[in-house]
Amino acid sequence: MMREDAESESETPEEAQELMEQNVREAAGSFAEFASRLQAYTAE
């Protein structure tokens, strides 16, 4: 899904790649925060 969105919103393959990398960084950050909160929750 991220690849399709990036490709449809960009004019060049390089631009699509940059958009995908930004999306992955954002998703990874959200996942890391979720994992941290889950770990804190299960430690209680």
N, C-alpha and C. Protein backbone atom coordinates (compact mmCIF):
# COMPACT_ATOMS: atom_id res chain seq x y z
N MET A 1 0.82 -1.19 0.00
CA MET A 1 0.00 0.00 0.00
C MET A 1 0.86 1.25 0.00
N MET A 2 1.89 1.28 0.79
CA MET A 2 2.75 2.46 0.83
C MET A 2 3.40 2.72 -0.54
N ARG A 3 3.85 1.66 -1.20
CA ARG A 3 4.50 1.82 -2.50
C ARG A 3 3.52 2.42 -3.51
N GLU A 4 2.31 1.90 -3.56
CA GLU A 4 1.32 2.41 -4.50
C GLU A 4 1.02 3.88 -4.25
N ASP A 5 0.87 4.25 -2.99
CA ASP A 5 0.61 5.64 -2.64
C ASP A 5 1.77 6.53 -3.07
N ALA A 6 2.98 6.12 -2.77
CA ALA A 6 4.16 6.91 -3.11
C ALA A 6 4.29 7.07 -4.62
N GLU A 7 4.06 5.99 -5.35
CA GLU A 7 4.18 6.06 -6.80
C GLU A 7 3.11 6.95 -7.41
N SER A 8 1.91 6.91 -6.86
CA SER A 8 0.84 7.74 -7.43
C SER A 8 1.00 9.22 -7.07
N GLU A 9 1.71 9.51 -5.98
CA GLU A 9 1.88 10.89 -5.54
C GLU A 9 3.18 11.52 -5.99
N SER A 10 3.99 10.80 -6.75
CA SER A 10 5.29 11.32 -7.17
C SER A 10 5.41 11.34 -8.68
N GLU A 11 6.40 12.09 -9.14
CA GLU A 11 6.63 12.20 -10.58
C GLU A 11 7.81 11.37 -11.04
N THR A 12 8.70 11.00 -10.13
CA THR A 12 9.89 10.23 -10.50
C THR A 12 10.05 9.05 -9.56
N PRO A 13 10.77 8.02 -10.00
CA PRO A 13 11.05 6.89 -9.10
C PRO A 13 11.82 7.31 -7.85
N GLU A 14 12.71 8.28 -8.00
CA GLU A 14 13.48 8.76 -6.84
C GLU A 14 12.58 9.42 -5.82
N GLU A 15 11.64 10.21 -6.30
CA GLU A 15 10.69 10.88 -5.41
C GLU A 15 9.80 9.84 -4.72
N ALA A 16 9.39 8.83 -5.45
CA ALA A 16 8.59 7.75 -4.86
C ALA A 16 9.37 7.04 -3.77
N GLN A 17 10.65 6.79 -4.03
CA GLN A 17 11.50 6.12 -3.04
C GLN A 17 11.61 6.95 -1.77
N GLU A 18 11.79 8.26 -1.91
CA GLU A 18 11.89 9.14 -0.74
C GLU A 18 10.59 9.14 0.05
N LEU A 19 9.46 9.19 -0.64
CA LEU A 19 8.17 9.14 0.05
C LEU A 19 8.00 7.83 0.80
N MET A 20 8.40 6.72 0.18
CA MET A 20 8.28 5.42 0.86
C MET A 20 9.17 5.38 2.10
N GLU A 21 10.39 5.91 1.98
CA GLU A 21 11.29 5.92 3.14
C GLU A 21 10.72 6.76 4.27
N GLN A 22 10.12 7.89 3.94
CA GLN A 22 9.50 8.72 4.98
C GLN A 22 8.34 7.98 5.63
N ASN A 23 7.53 7.31 4.84
CA ASN A 23 6.40 6.55 5.38
C ASN A 23 6.88 5.42 6.29
N VAL A 24 7.94 4.74 5.89
CA VAL A 24 8.47 3.64 6.71
C VAL A 24 9.03 4.17 8.02
N ARG A 25 9.75 5.30 7.97
CA ARG A 25 10.27 5.88 9.22
C ARG A 25 9.14 6.23 10.17
N GLU A 26 8.08 6.82 9.63
CA GLU A 26 6.93 7.18 10.48
C GLU A 26 6.27 5.94 11.07
N ALA A 27 6.07 4.92 10.25
CA ALA A 27 5.45 3.68 10.74
C ALA A 27 6.33 3.01 11.77
N ALA A 28 7.64 3.00 11.55
CA ALA A 28 8.56 2.38 12.50
C ALA A 28 8.54 3.12 13.83
N GLY A 29 8.47 4.44 13.78
CA GLY A 29 8.40 5.22 15.01
C GLY A 29 7.12 4.92 15.78
N SER A 30 6.02 4.81 15.07
CA SER A 30 4.75 4.49 15.71
C SER A 30 4.79 3.09 16.32
N PHE A 31 5.37 2.15 15.60
CA PHE A 31 5.47 0.80 16.11
C PHE A 31 6.36 0.74 17.35
N ALA A 32 7.47 1.47 17.32
CA ALA A 32 8.39 1.50 18.46
C ALA A 32 7.68 2.07 19.69
N GLU A 33 6.90 3.11 19.50
CA GLU A 33 6.16 3.69 20.61
C GLU A 33 5.13 2.70 21.15
N PHE A 34 4.42 2.02 20.27
CA PHE A 34 3.45 1.01 20.67
C PHE A 34 4.12 -0.10 21.47
N ALA A 35 5.26 -0.59 20.97
CA ALA A 35 5.97 -1.67 21.64
C ALA A 35 6.44 -1.23 23.03
N SER A 36 6.90 0.00 23.13
CA SER A 36 7.35 0.53 24.42
C SER A 36 6.20 0.62 25.41
N ARG A 37 5.06 1.10 24.94
CA ARG A 37 3.89 1.20 25.83
C ARG A 37 3.38 -0.18 26.23
N LEU A 38 3.40 -1.11 25.29
CA LEU A 38 2.97 -2.46 25.59
C LEU A 38 3.89 -3.11 26.63
N GLN A 39 5.16 -2.89 26.48
CA GLN A 39 6.13 -3.45 27.42
C GLN A 39 5.90 -2.86 28.82
N ALA A 40 5.66 -1.56 28.88
CA ALA A 40 5.40 -0.92 30.17
C ALA A 40 4.10 -1.45 30.78
N TYR A 41 3.11 -1.67 29.95
CA TYR A 41 1.81 -2.16 30.41
C TYR A 41 1.95 -3.58 30.96
N THR A 42 2.70 -4.44 30.28
CA THR A 42 2.82 -5.83 30.71
C THR A 42 3.74 -5.95 31.92
N ALA A 43 4.54 -4.94 32.20
CA ALA A 43 5.44 -4.97 33.35
C ALA A 43 4.69 -4.66 34.65
N GLU A 44 3.52 -4.09 34.53
CA GLU A 44 2.73 -3.73 35.74
C GLU A 44 2.11 -4.93 36.39
